[in-house]
PDB file of N, CA and C in Angstrom:
ATOM      1  N   MET A   1     -10.872   1.306  -9.582  1.00  0.00           N
ATOM      2  CA  MET A   1      -9.722   1.433 -10.143  1.00  0.00           C
ATOM      3  C   MET A   1      -8.740   0.486  -9.424  1.00  0.00           C
ATOM      4  N   SER A   2      -7.911   0.092 -10.044  1.00  0.00           N
ATOM      5  CA  SER A   2      -6.784  -1.030  -9.547  1.00  0.00           C
ATOM      6  C   SER A   2      -5.668  -0.215  -8.808  1.00  0.00           C
ATOM      7  N   MET A   3      -5.023  -1.076  -7.841  1.00  0.00           N
ATOM      8  CA  MET A   3      -4.109  -0.415  -7.087  1.00  0.00           C
ATOM      9  C   MET A   3      -2.932   0.033  -8.112  1.00  0.00           C
ATOM     10  N   ALA A   4      -2.408  -0.431  -9.347  1.00  0.00           N
ATOM     11  CA  ALA A   4      -1.382   0.015 -10.278  1.00  0.00           C
ATOM     12  C   ALA A   4      -2.268   1.365 -10.829  1.00  0.00           C
ATOM     13  N   GLY A   5      -3.442   1.149 -11.146  1.00  0.00           N
ATOM     14  CA  GLY A   5      -3.960   2.527 -12.121  1.00  0.00           C
ATOM     15  C   GLY A   5      -3.918   3.709 -11.179  1.00  0.00           C
ATOM     16  N   PHE A   6      -4.283   3.157  -9.617  1.00  0.00           N
ATOM     17  CA  PHE A   6      -4.441   4.530  -8.762  1.00  0.00           C
ATOM     18  C   PHE A   6      -2.712   5.167  -8.758  1.00  0.00           C
ATOM     19  N   LEU A   7      -1.923   4.084  -8.765  1.00  0.00           N
ATOM     20  CA  LEU A   7      -0.651   4.668  -8.210  1.00  0.00           C
ATOM     21  C   LEU A   7       0.034   5.242  -9.595  1.00  0.00           C
ATOM     22  N   ALA A   8      -0.141   4.724 -10.833  1.00  0.00           N
ATOM     23  CA  ALA A   8      -0.136   5.273 -11.960  1.00  0.00           C
ATOM     24  C   ALA A   8      -0.712   6.919 -12.378  1.00  0.00           C
ATOM     25  N   HIS A   9      -1.835   6.906 -11.883  1.00  0.00           N
ATOM     26  CA  HIS A   9      -2.505   7.916 -12.275  1.00  0.00           C
ATOM     27  C   HIS A   9      -2.038   9.189 -11.139  1.00  0.00           C
ATOM     28  N   SER A  10      -1.809   8.797  -9.873  1.00  0.00           N
ATOM     29  CA  SER A  10      -1.249   9.871  -8.979  1.00  0.00           C
ATOM     30  C   SER A  10       0.161  10.209  -9.384  1.00  0.00           C
ATOM     31  N   ALA A  11       1.057   9.399  -9.688  1.00  0.00           N
ATOM     32  CA  ALA A  11       2.275   9.620 -10.028  1.00  0.00           C
ATOM     33  C   ALA A  11       2.265  10.721 -11.539  1.00  0.00           C
ATOM     34  N   LEU A  12       1.311  10.434 -12.440  1.00  0.00           N
ATOM     35  CA  LEU A  12       1.260  11.483 -13.441  1.00  0.00           C
ATOM     36  C   LEU A  12       0.673  12.604 -12.881  1.00  0.00           C
ATOM     37  N   ALA A  13      -0.428  12.539 -12.268  1.00  0.00           N
ATOM     38  CA  ALA A  13      -0.989  13.841 -11.581  1.00  0.00           C
ATOM     39  C   ALA A  13       0.061  14.709 -10.861  1.00  0.00           C
ATOM     40  N   ALA A  14       0.709  14.010 -10.133  1.00  0.00           N
ATOM     41  CA  ALA A  14       2.048  14.724  -9.137  1.00  0.00           C
ATOM     42  C   ALA A  14       2.871  15.489 -10.154  1.00  0.00           C
ATOM     43  N   ALA A  15       3.291  14.532 -11.260  1.00  0.00           N
ATOM     44  CA  ALA A  15       4.365  15.143 -12.213  1.00  0.00           C
ATOM     45  C   ALA A  15       3.783  16.450 -12.847  1.00  0.00           C
ATOM     46  N   ARG A  16       2.589  16.647 -13.158  1.00  0.00           N
ATOM     47  CA  ARG A  16       2.050  17.735 -14.007  1.00  0.00           C
ATOM     48  C   ARG A  16       1.829  19.027 -12.918  1.00  0.00           C
ATOM     49  N   ASP A  17       1.757  18.705 -11.545  1.00  0.00           N
ATOM     50  CA  ASP A  17       1.671  19.975 -10.695  1.00  0.00           C
ATOM     51  C   ASP A  17       2.885  21.005 -10.405  1.00  0.00           C
ATOM     52  N   GLN A  18       3.299  21.725 -10.903  1.00  0.00           N
ATOM     53  CA  GLN A  18       4.473  22.737 -11.276  1.00  0.00           C
ATOM     54  C   GLN A  18       4.792  23.623  -9.564  1.00  0.00           C
ATOM     55  N   SER A  19       3.413  23.500  -8.614  1.00  0.00           N
ATOM     56  CA  SER A  19       3.465  24.384  -7.493  1.00  0.00           C
ATOM     57  C   SER A  19       4.225  23.787  -6.517  1.00  0.00           C
ATOM     58  N   ARG A  20       4.366  22.290  -6.476  1.00  0.00           N
ATOM     59  CA  ARG A  20       4.919  21.645  -5.423  1.00  0.00           C
ATOM     60  C   ARG A  20       6.127  21.632  -5.191  1.00  0.00           C
ATOM     61  N   THR A  21       6.561  21.852  -3.875  1.00  0.00           N
ATOM     62  CA  THR A  21       8.281  21.880  -3.255  1.00  0.00           C
ATOM     63  C   THR A  21       8.903  20.658  -3.522  1.00  0.00           C
ATOM     64  N   ALA A  22      10.099  20.766  -3.578  1.00  0.00           N
ATOM     65  CA  ALA A  22      11.010  19.557  -3.411  1.00  0.00           C
ATOM     66  C   ALA A  22      10.912  18.695  -2.331  1.00  0.00           C
ATOM     67  N   ALA A  23      10.543  19.069  -1.098  1.00  0.00           N
ATOM     68  CA  ALA A  23      10.260  18.357   0.174  1.00  0.00           C
ATOM     69  C   ALA A  23       8.943  17.435  -0.283  1.00  0.00           C
ATOM     70  N   THR A  24       7.639  18.110  -0.658  1.00  0.00           N
ATOM     71  CA  THR A  24       6.541  17.572  -1.325  1.00  0.00           C
ATOM     72  C   THR A  24       6.741  16.271  -1.780  1.00  0.00           C
ATOM     73  N   ILE A  25       7.618  16.584  -2.969  1.00  0.00           N
ATOM     74  CA  ILE A  25       8.003  15.830  -4.152  1.00  0.00           C
ATOM     75  C   ILE A  25       8.700  14.391  -3.314  1.00  0.00           C
ATOM     76  N   ALA A  26       9.642  14.898  -2.557  1.00  0.00           N
ATOM     77  CA  ALA A  26      10.328  13.635  -1.957  1.00  0.00           C
ATOM     78  C   ALA A  26       9.624  12.789  -1.031  1.00  0.00           C
ATOM     79  N   THR A  27       8.737  13.453  -0.304  1.00  0.00           N
ATOM     80  CA  THR A  27       7.566  12.744   0.672  1.00  0.00           C
ATOM     81  C   THR A  27       6.796  11.737  -0.267  1.00  0.00           C
ATOM     82  N   GLU A  28       6.313  12.298  -1.452  1.00  0.00           N
ATOM     83  CA  GLU A  28       5.471  11.462  -2.181  1.00  0.00           C
ATOM     84  C   GLU A  28       6.111  10.519  -3.051  1.00  0.00           C
ATOM     85  N   ARG A  29       7.287  10.682  -3.389  1.00  0.00           N
ATOM     86  CA  ARG A  29       8.041   9.636  -3.899  1.00  0.00           C
ATOM     87  C   ARG A  29       8.299   8.405  -2.832  1.00  0.00           C
ATOM     88  N   ASP A  30       8.550   8.819  -1.755  1.00  0.00           N
ATOM     89  CA  ASP A  30       8.764   7.826  -0.727  1.00  0.00           C
ATOM     90  C   ASP A  30       7.609   7.074  -0.480  1.00  0.00           C
ATOM     91  N   VAL A  31       6.212   7.837  -0.210  1.00  0.00           N
ATOM     92  CA  VAL A  31       5.153   6.960   0.023  1.00  0.00           C
ATOM     93  C   VAL A  31       4.715   6.186  -1.232  1.00  0.00           C
ATOM     94  N   LEU A  32       4.881   6.804  -2.489  1.00  0.00           N
ATOM     95  CA  LEU A  32       4.699   5.822  -3.570  1.00  0.00           C
ATOM     96  C   LEU A  32       5.532   4.361  -3.495  1.00  0.00           C
ATOM     97  N   THR A  33       7.040   4.702  -3.258  1.00  0.00           N
ATOM     98  CA  THR A  33       8.092   3.669  -3.066  1.00  0.00           C
ATOM     99  C   THR A  33       7.464   2.485  -2.423  1.00  0.00           C
ATOM    100  N   GLU A  34       6.850   3.217  -0.903  1.00  0.00           N
ATOM    101  CA  GLU A  34       6.214   2.288   0.058  1.00  0.00           C
ATOM    102  C   GLU A  34       4.868   1.700  -0.409  1.00  0.00           C
ATOM    103  N   LEU A  35       4.166   2.312  -1.129  1.00  0.00           N
ATOM    104  CA  LEU A  35       3.026   1.687  -1.741  1.00  0.00           C
ATOM    105  C   LEU A  35       3.234   0.750  -2.784  1.00  0.00           C
ATOM    106  N   PHE A  36       4.142   0.671  -3.455  1.00  0.00           N
ATOM    107  CA  PHE A  36       4.251  -0.139  -4.425  1.00  0.00           C
ATOM    108  C   PHE A  36       5.286  -1.576  -3.639  1.00  0.00           C
ATOM    109  N   ALA A  37       5.839  -1.154  -2.840  1.00  0.00           N
ATOM    110  CA  ALA A  37       6.661  -2.309  -1.899  1.00  0.00           C
ATOM    111  C   ALA A  37       5.258  -3.134  -1.147  1.00  0.00           C
ATOM    112  N   MET A  38       4.403  -2.277  -0.814  1.00  0.00           N
ATOM    113  CA  MET A  38       3.111  -3.221   0.054  1.00  0.00           C
ATOM    114  C   MET A  38       2.717  -3.799  -1.216  1.00  0.00           C
ATOM    115  N   ARG A  39       2.131  -3.309  -2.368  1.00  0.00           N
ATOM    116  CA  ARG A  39       1.423  -3.894  -3.172  1.00  0.00           C
ATOM    117  C   ARG A  39       1.855  -5.453  -3.429  1.00  0.00           C
ATOM    118  N   ARG A  40       3.407  -5.187  -3.685  1.00  0.00           N
ATOM    119  CA  ARG A  40       3.913  -6.676  -3.816  1.00  0.00           C
ATOM    120  C   ARG A  40       3.706  -7.701  -2.467  1.00  0.00           C
ATOM    121  N   GLN A  41       3.899  -6.950  -1.441  1.00  0.00           N
ATOM    122  CA  GLN A  41       3.949  -7.960  -0.022  1.00  0.00           C
ATOM    123  C   GLN A  41       2.268  -8.402  -0.164  1.00  0.00           C
ATOM    124  N   LEU A  42       1.369  -7.398  -0.465  1.00  0.00           N
ATOM    125  CA  LEU A  42      -0.007  -7.943  -0.287  1.00  0.00           C
ATOM    126  C   LEU A  42      -0.354  -8.918  -1.180  1.00  0.00           C
ATOM    127  N   GLY A  43       0.192  -8.882  -2.362  1.00  0.00           N
ATOM    128  CA  GLY A  43       0.120 -10.008  -3.284  1.00  0.00           C
ATOM    129  C   GLY A  43       0.855 -11.101  -2.997  1.00  0.00           C
ATOM    130  N   TRP A  44       2.045 -11.245  -2.360  1.00  0.00           N
ATOM    131  CA  TRP A  44       2.333 -12.645  -1.792  1.00  0.00           C
ATOM    132  C   TRP A  44       1.664 -12.986  -0.582  1.00  0.00           C
ATOM    133  N   ALA A  45       1.287 -11.846   0.133  1.00  0.00           N
ATOM    134  CA  ALA A  45       0.159 -12.768   1.209  1.00  0.00           C
ATOM    135  C   ALA A  45      -0.970 -13.028   0.669  1.00  0.00           C
ATOM    136  N   GLY A  46      -1.804 -12.388  -0.324  1.00  0.00           N
ATOM    137  CA  GLY A  46      -2.793 -12.991  -0.593  1.00  0.00           C
ATOM    138  C   GLY A  46      -2.530 -14.463  -1.387  1.00  0.00           C
ATOM    139  N   SER A  47      -1.573 -14.624  -1.951  1.00  0.00           N
ATOM    140  CA  SER A  47      -1.322 -15.953  -2.676  1.00  0.00           C
ATOM    141  C   SER A  47      -1.189 -16.971  -1.402  1.00  0.00           C
ATOM    142  N   ASN A  48      -0.374 -16.596  -0.596  1.00  0.00           N
ATOM    143  CA  ASN A  48      -0.438 -17.488   0.826  1.00  0.00           C
ATOM    144  C   ASN A  48      -1.995 -18.049   1.271  1.00  0.00           C
ATOM    145  N   LEU A  49      -2.606 -16.632   1.546  1.00  0.00           N
ATOM    146  CA  LEU A  49      -3.932 -16.815   2.205  1.00  0.00           C
ATOM    147  C   LEU A  49      -4.854 -17.826   1.172  1.00  0.00           C
ATOM    148  N   ASN A  50      -4.497 -17.603  -0.119  1.00  0.00           N
ATOM    149  CA  ASN A  50      -5.354 -18.511  -0.972  1.00  0.00           C
ATOM    150  C   ASN A  50      -5.138 -20.030  -0.985  1.00  0.00           C
ATOM    151  N   GLN A  51      -3.422 -20.161  -0.613  1.00  0.00           N
ATOM    152  CA  GLN A  51      -3.116 -21.692  -0.239  1.00  0.00           C
ATOM    153  C   GLN A  51      -3.863 -22.143   0.919  1.00  0.00           C
ATOM    154  N   VAL A  52      -3.810 -21.202   2.105  1.00  0.00           N
ATOM    155  CA  VAL A  52      -4.271 -21.760   3.074  1.00  0.00           C
ATOM    156  C   VAL A  52      -5.746 -22.104   3.064  1.00  0.00           C
ATOM    157  N   ALA A  53      -6.572 -21.357   2.392  1.00  0.00           N
ATOM    158  CA  ALA A  53      -8.121 -21.564   2.368  1.00  0.00           C
ATOM    159  C   ALA A  53      -8.177 -22.805   1.263  1.00  0.00           C
ATOM    160  N   ARG A  54      -7.297 -23.052   0.331  1.00  0.00           N
ATOM    161  CA  ARG A  54      -7.373 -24.193  -0.615  1.00  0.00           C
ATOM    162  C   ARG A  54      -7.085 -25.458   0.376  1.00  0.00           C
ATOM    163  N   ALA A  55      -6.147 -25.303   1.013  1.00  0.00           N
ATOM    164  CA  ALA A  55      -5.918 -26.610   2.121  1.00  0.00           C
ATOM    165  C   ALA A  55      -7.022 -26.825   3.103  1.00  0.00           C
ATOM    166  N   LEU A  56      -7.794 -25.720   3.742  1.00  0.00           N
ATOM    167  CA  LEU A  56      -8.804 -25.856   4.751  1.00  0.00           C
ATOM    168  C   LEU A  56      -9.732 -26.330   3.931  1.00  0.00           C
ATOM    169  N   ASN A  57     -10.145 -25.925   2.705  1.00  0.00           N
ATOM    170  CA  ASN A  57     -11.238 -26.548   2.031  1.00  0.00           C
ATOM    171  C   ASN A  57     -11.360 -28.059   1.660  1.00  0.00           C
ATOM    172  N   SER A  58     -10.148 -28.448   1.649  1.00  0.00           N
ATOM    173  CA  SER A  58      -9.981 -29.772   1.070  1.00  0.00           C
ATOM    174  C   SER A  58      -9.660 -30.558   2.411  1.00  0.00           C
ATOM    175  N   ASP A  59     -10.064 -30.014   3.535  1.00  0.00           N
ATOM    176  CA  ASP A  59      -9.781 -30.985   4.908  1.00  0.00           C
ATOM    177  C   ASP A  59      -8.641 -31.195   5.416  1.00  0.00           C
ATOM    178  N   GLY A  60      -7.566 -30.268   4.826  1.00  0.00           N
ATOM    179  CA  GLY A  60      -6.156 -30.367   4.888  1.00  0.00           C
ATOM    180  C   GLY A  60      -5.935 -29.330   6.247  1.00  0.00           C
ATOM    181  N   ASP A  61      -4.729 -29.422   6.269  1.00  0.00           N
ATOM    182  CA  ASP A  61      -3.933 -28.787   7.475  1.00  0.00           C
ATOM    183  C   ASP A  61      -3.368 -27.316   7.050  1.00  0.00           C
ATOM    184  N   ALA A  62      -3.523 -26.346   7.985  1.00  0.00           N
ATOM    185  CA  ALA A  62      -2.718 -25.177   7.540  1.00  0.00           C
ATOM    186  C   ALA A  62      -1.815 -24.575   8.621  1.00  0.00           C
ATOM    187  N   PRO A  63      -0.815 -25.269   8.669  1.00  0.00           N
ATOM    188  CA  PRO A  63       0.259 -24.969  10.002  1.00  0.00           C
ATOM    189  C   PRO A  63       0.781 -23.539   9.842  1.00  0.00           C
ATOM    190  N   HIS A  64       0.642 -22.699   8.888  1.00  0.00           N
ATOM    191  CA  HIS A  64       1.359 -21.526   8.832  1.00  0.00           C
ATOM    192  C   HIS A  64       0.327 -20.129   8.744  1.00  0.00           C
ATOM    193  N   LEU A  65      -0.844 -20.607   9.101  1.00  0.00           N
ATOM    194  CA  LEU A  65      -1.791 -19.798   9.252  1.00  0.00           C
ATOM    195  C   LEU A  65      -1.840 -18.212   9.978  1.00  0.00           C
ATOM    196  N   LYS A  66      -1.169 -18.814  11.261  1.00  0.00           N
ATOM    197  CA  LYS A  66      -0.922 -17.389  11.979  1.00  0.00           C
ATOM    198  C   LYS A  66       0.080 -16.611  11.405  1.00  0.00           C
ATOM    199  N   GLU A  67       1.063 -17.074  10.827  1.00  0.00           N
ATOM    200  CA  GLU A  67       2.037 -16.331   9.906  1.00  0.00           C
ATOM    201  C   GLU A  67       1.377 -15.551   9.068  1.00  0.00           C
ATOM    202  N   VAL A  68       0.571 -16.197   8.167  1.00  0.00           N
ATOM    203  CA  VAL A  68      -0.039 -15.656   6.836  1.00  0.00           C
ATOM    204  C   VAL A  68      -0.825 -14.430   7.413  1.00  0.00           C
ATOM    205  N   LEU A  69      -1.557 -14.647   8.374  1.00  0.00           N
ATOM    206  CA  LEU A  69      -2.635 -13.721   8.862  1.00  0.00           C
ATOM    207  C   LEU A  69      -1.585 -12.489   9.249  1.00  0.00           C
ATOM    208  N   ALA A  70      -0.588 -12.913  10.423  1.00  0.00           N
ATOM    209  CA  ALA A  70       0.221 -11.804  10.543  1.00  0.00           C
ATOM    210  C   ALA A  70       1.140 -11.102   9.537  1.00  0.00           C
ATOM    211  N   ASP A  71       1.299 -11.621   8.401  1.00  0.00           N
ATOM    212  CA  ASP A  71       1.914 -10.976   6.978  1.00  0.00           C
ATOM    213  C   ASP A  71       0.790 -10.003   6.652  1.00  0.00           C
ATOM    214  N   ILE A  72      -0.505 -10.339   6.591  1.00  0.00           N
ATOM    215  CA  ILE A  72      -1.643  -9.616   6.209  1.00  0.00           C
ATOM    216  C   ILE A  72      -1.800  -8.144   6.959  1.00  0.00           C
ATOM    217  N   ARG A  73      -1.694  -8.665   8.248  1.00  0.00           N
ATOM    218  CA  ARG A  73      -2.048  -7.581   9.261  1.00  0.00           C
ATOM    219  C   ARG A  73      -0.953  -6.467   9.012  1.00  0.00           C
ATOM    220  N   ARG A  74       0.307  -6.748   8.862  1.00  0.00           N
ATOM    221  CA  ARG A  74       1.450  -6.000   8.727  1.00  0.00           C
ATOM    222  C   ARG A  74       1.367  -5.310   7.553  1.00  0.00           C
ATOM    223  N   ALA A  75       1.058  -5.752   6.448  1.00  0.00           N
ATOM    224  CA  ALA A  75       0.526  -5.016   5.023  1.00  0.00           C
ATOM    225  C   ALA A  75      -0.246  -4.062   5.358  1.00  0.00           C
ATOM    226  N   ALA A  76      -1.411  -4.571   5.827  1.00  0.00           N
ATOM    227  CA  ALA A  76      -2.406  -3.546   5.711  1.00  0.00           C
ATOM    228  C   ALA A  76      -2.072  -2.422   6.662  1.00  0.00           C
ATOM    229  N   ASN A  77      -1.358  -2.673   7.901  1.00  0.00           N
ATOM    230  CA  ASN A  77      -0.937  -1.380   8.522  1.00  0.00           C
ATOM    231  C   ASN A  77       0.156  -0.447   8.111  1.00  0.00           C
ATOM    232  N   ALA A  78       0.626  -1.060   7.219  1.00  0.00           N
ATOM    233  CA  ALA A  78       1.952  -0.143   6.460  1.00  0.00           C
ATOM    234  C   ALA A  78       0.939   0.417   5.380  1.00  0.00           C
ATOM    235  N   VAL A  79       0.040  -0.188   4.636  1.00  0.00           N
ATOM    236  CA  VAL A  79      -0.834   0.709   3.592  1.00  0.00           C
ATOM    237  C   VAL A  79      -1.649   2.007   4.426  1.00  0.00           C
ATOM    238  N   SER A  80      -1.887   1.485   5.720  1.00  0.00           N
ATOM    239  CA  SER A  80      -2.787   2.546   6.590  1.00  0.00           C
ATOM    240  C   SER A  80      -1.949   3.488   6.903  1.00  0.00           C
ATOM    241  N   LYS A  81      -0.613   3.411   6.991  1.00  0.00           N
ATOM    242  CA  LYS A  81       0.350   4.368   7.581  1.00  0.00           C
ATOM    243  C   LYS A  81       0.761   5.255   6.458  1.00  0.00           C
ATOM    244  N   ALA A  82       0.776   4.820   5.124  1.00  0.00           N
ATOM    245  CA  ALA A  82       1.070   5.476   4.061  1.00  0.00           C
ATOM    246  C   ALA A  82       0.007   6.375   3.452  1.00  0.00           C
ATOM    247  N   ALA A  83      -1.106   5.900   3.828  1.00  0.00           N
ATOM    248  CA  ALA A  83      -2.462   6.695   3.562  1.00  0.00           C
ATOM    249  C   ALA A  83      -2.482   7.581   4.363  1.00  0.00           C
ATOM    250  N   ASP A  84      -1.931   7.666   5.728  1.00  0.00           N
ATOM    251  CA  ASP A  84      -2.106   8.744   6.690  1.00  0.00           C
ATOM    252  C   ASP A  84      -1.167   9.582   6.214  1.00  0.00           C
ATOM    253  N   ARG A  85      -0.071   9.097   5.630  1.00  0.00           N
ATOM    254  CA  ARG A  85       1.098  10.228   5.492  1.00  0.00           C
ATOM    255  C   ARG A  85       0.755  11.007   4.206  1.00  0.00           C
ATOM    256  N   VAL A  86      -0.094  10.320   3.280  1.00  0.00           N
ATOM    257  CA  VAL A  86      -0.352  11.131   2.231  1.00  0.00           C
ATOM    258  C   VAL A  86      -1.685  12.234   2.630  1.00  0.00           C
ATOM    259  N   THR A  87      -2.578  11.623   3.345  1.00  0.00           N
ATOM    260  CA  THR A  87      -3.680  12.686   3.780  1.00  0.00           C
ATOM    261  C   THR A  87      -2.915  13.882   4.719  1.00  0.00           C
ATOM    262  N   HIS A  88      -1.987  13.490   5.281  1.00  0.00           N
ATOM    263  CA  HIS A  88      -1.592  14.618   6.507  1.00  0.00           C
ATOM    264  C   HIS A  88      -0.603  15.456   5.496  1.00  0.00           C
ATOM    265  N   GLN A  89       0.062  14.968   4.382  1.00  0.00           N
ATOM    266  CA  GLN A  89       0.391  16.062   3.606  1.00  0.00           C
ATOM    267  C   GLN A  89      -0.306  16.738   2.943  1.00  0.00           C
ATOM    268  N   GLN A  90      -1.610  16.206   2.431  1.00  0.00           N
ATOM    269  CA  GLN A  90      -2.572  17.179   1.837  1.00  0.00           C
ATOM    270  C   GLN A  90      -2.913  18.005   2.592  1.00  0.00           C
ATOM    271  N   GLU A  91      -3.377  17.669   3.974  1.00  0.00           N
ATOM    272  CA  GLU A  91      -3.919  18.692   5.109  1.00  0.00           C
ATOM    273  C   GLU A  91      -2.798  19.826   4.762  1.00  0.00           C
ATOM    274  N   GLN A  92      -1.750  19.341   5.215  1.00  0.00           N
ATOM    275  CA  GLN A  92      -0.844  20.505   5.265  1.00  0.00           C
ATOM    276  C   GLN A  92      -0.622  21.467   4.272  1.00  0.00           C
ATOM    277  N   GLU A  93      -0.664  20.929   2.981  1.00  0.00           N
ATOM    278  CA  GLU A  93      -0.738  21.815   1.924  1.00  0.00           C
ATOM    279  C   GLU A  93      -1.964  22.532   1.674  1.00  0.00           C
ATOM    280  N   GLY A  94      -3.157  21.928   2.039  1.00  0.00           N
ATOM    281  CA  GLY A  94      -4.393  22.774   2.232  1.00  0.00           C
ATOM    282  C   GLY A  94      -4.163  23.920   2.797  1.00  0.00           C
ATOM    283  N   GLU A  95      -3.665  23.946   4.290  1.00  0.00           N
ATOM    284  CA  GLU A  95      -3.403  24.807   5.133  1.00  0.00           C
ATOM    285  C   GLU A  95      -2.476  25.812   4.461  1.00  0.00           C
ATOM    286  N   ALA A  96      -1.518  25.578   4.018  1.00  0.00           N
ATOM    287  CA  ALA A  96      -0.411  26.562   3.636  1.00  0.00           C
ATOM    288  C   ALA A  96      -1.039  27.230   2.251  1.00  0.00           C
ATOM    289  N   ALA A  97      -2.210  27.023   1.754  1.00  0.00           N
ATOM    290  CA  ALA A  97      -2.823  27.486   0.355  1.00  0.00           C
ATOM    291  C   ALA A  97      -3.603  28.679   0.998  1.00  0.00           C
TER     292      ALA A  97
END
């Protein structure tokens, strides 16, 4: 499943669940907003990484390689934090049930 498909599926599933509290909905909305922003960032970073790979494969120079890799690390860490927030929220909901 693509990232966009996952996000759309998650949003629709969340909208159908009438047992969720306003705080849960707000938290999920924040996480989904973060995930959409990270998706854009990862797209930009991936594009930059492709340009670096193209330059290196043609014996060119990649002066911004460290910055590109740092961008990818930041985006990956942000995805990990958002996933942890979702997991933590689901664990709390499971304990409350």
